[in-house]
Amino acid sequence: MTGLRILIRTTWTEIGKDPLGTFWYRVIAEWDDPVTHQTYIFGSKLLRDHPRFSSLLGSEHMVSVLIDPDNPHRYLMECSW
């Protein structure tokens, strides 16, 4: 995917459990578009391993998100940690 790369702070980590009892995690981050002043919420793909930088209450770490400038709902959060 090509687009605009933004670096934003993570907001929280979502935790869930599938029917087999396996835990999963999702990192959530919010971004305010400086042009439209609209807030967008981005989520990572489901992760099997706990993101080590995060606590259950949030984290305050930066993540890179690649967005389509014409449609920020199309995005890719880079999860290389």
Protein backbone atom coordinates (compact mmCIF):
# COMPACT_ATOMS: atom_id res chain seq x y z
CA MET A 1 0.00 0.00 0.00
CA THR A 2 1.26 3.46 -0.80
CA GLY A 3 0.10 6.61 0.88
CA LEU A 4 0.89 9.08 3.63
CA ARG A 5 2.90 7.76 6.57
CA ILE A 6 1.98 9.27 9.93
CA LEU A 7 3.60 8.64 13.30
CA ILE A 8 1.06 8.68 16.15
CA ARG A 9 0.82 7.73 19.81
CA THR A 10 -0.93 4.54 20.78
CA THR A 11 -4.05 5.04 22.86
CA TRP A 12 -4.72 1.64 24.37
CA THR A 13 -4.40 -2.11 23.89
CA GLU A 14 -7.55 -4.16 23.37
CA ILE A 15 -7.49 -7.72 24.69
CA GLY A 16 -9.83 -10.54 23.75
CA LYS A 17 -10.15 -14.28 23.83
CA ASP A 18 -11.28 -16.55 21.02
CA PRO A 19 -13.66 -19.53 21.56
CA LEU A 20 -10.69 -21.86 22.08
CA GLY A 21 -9.37 -19.73 24.95
CA THR A 22 -6.45 -18.15 23.06
CA PHE A 23 -5.83 -14.51 23.91
CA TRP A 24 -5.38 -11.90 21.21
CA TYR A 25 -4.33 -8.25 21.35
CA ARG A 26 -4.97 -5.20 19.18
CA VAL A 27 -3.12 -1.90 19.46
CA ILE A 28 -5.35 1.15 19.03
CA ALA A 29 -4.22 4.66 18.08
CA GLU A 30 -6.10 7.91 17.39
CA TRP A 31 -5.15 10.67 14.95
CA ASP A 32 -6.64 14.12 14.42
CA ASP A 33 -6.45 15.18 10.77
CA PRO A 34 -4.88 18.66 10.88
CA VAL A 35 -6.82 19.76 7.76
CA THR A 36 -10.34 18.47 8.47
CA HIS A 37 -10.01 18.27 12.28
CA GLN A 38 -11.70 14.86 12.09
CA THR A 39 -10.52 12.16 14.51
CA TYR A 40 -9.68 8.74 13.12
CA ILE A 41 -9.18 5.57 15.15
CA PHE A 42 -6.75 2.99 13.80
CA GLY A 43 -6.38 -0.60 14.99
CA SER A 44 -3.62 -3.10 14.38
CA LYS A 45 -4.29 -6.56 13.04
CA LEU A 46 -5.00 -9.16 15.72
CA LEU A 47 -1.76 -10.05 17.49
CA ARG A 48 -1.15 -13.35 19.29
CA ASP A 49 1.75 -11.97 21.32
CA HIS A 50 1.29 -9.17 23.82
CA PRO A 51 2.88 -5.96 22.52
CA ARG A 52 5.74 -5.69 24.99
CA PHE A 53 5.73 -1.90 25.07
CA SER A 54 2.12 -1.73 26.23
CA SER A 55 0.29 -2.02 29.51
CA LEU A 56 -3.36 -2.91 29.91
CA LEU A 57 -4.23 0.75 30.43
CA GLY A 58 -2.52 2.21 27.37
CA SER A 59 1.04 2.85 26.48
CA GLU A 60 2.14 6.20 25.10
CA HIS A 61 4.33 4.64 22.41
CA MET A 62 4.55 5.72 18.80
CA VAL A 63 3.39 3.61 15.86
CA SER A 64 3.61 4.20 12.13
CA VAL A 65 0.36 4.16 10.18
CA LEU A 66 0.18 4.34 6.40
CA ILE A 67 -3.06 6.02 5.29
CA ASP A 68 -4.74 6.73 1.97
CA PRO A 69 -4.89 10.58 2.02
CA ASP A 70 -8.14 10.48 0.00
CA ASN A 71 -9.75 7.97 2.39
CA PRO A 72 -8.05 7.67 5.82
CA HIS A 73 -10.36 4.74 6.64
CA ARG A 74 -8.03 2.77 4.34
CA TYR A 75 -4.88 2.28 6.39
CA LEU A 76 -2.18 -0.10 7.49
CA MET A 77 -0.70 0.03 11.00
CA GLU A 78 2.85 -1.22 10.90
CA CYS A 79 3.30 -3.84 13.63
CA SER A 80 6.98 -4.62 13.49
CA TRP A 81 7.59 -4.63 17.21
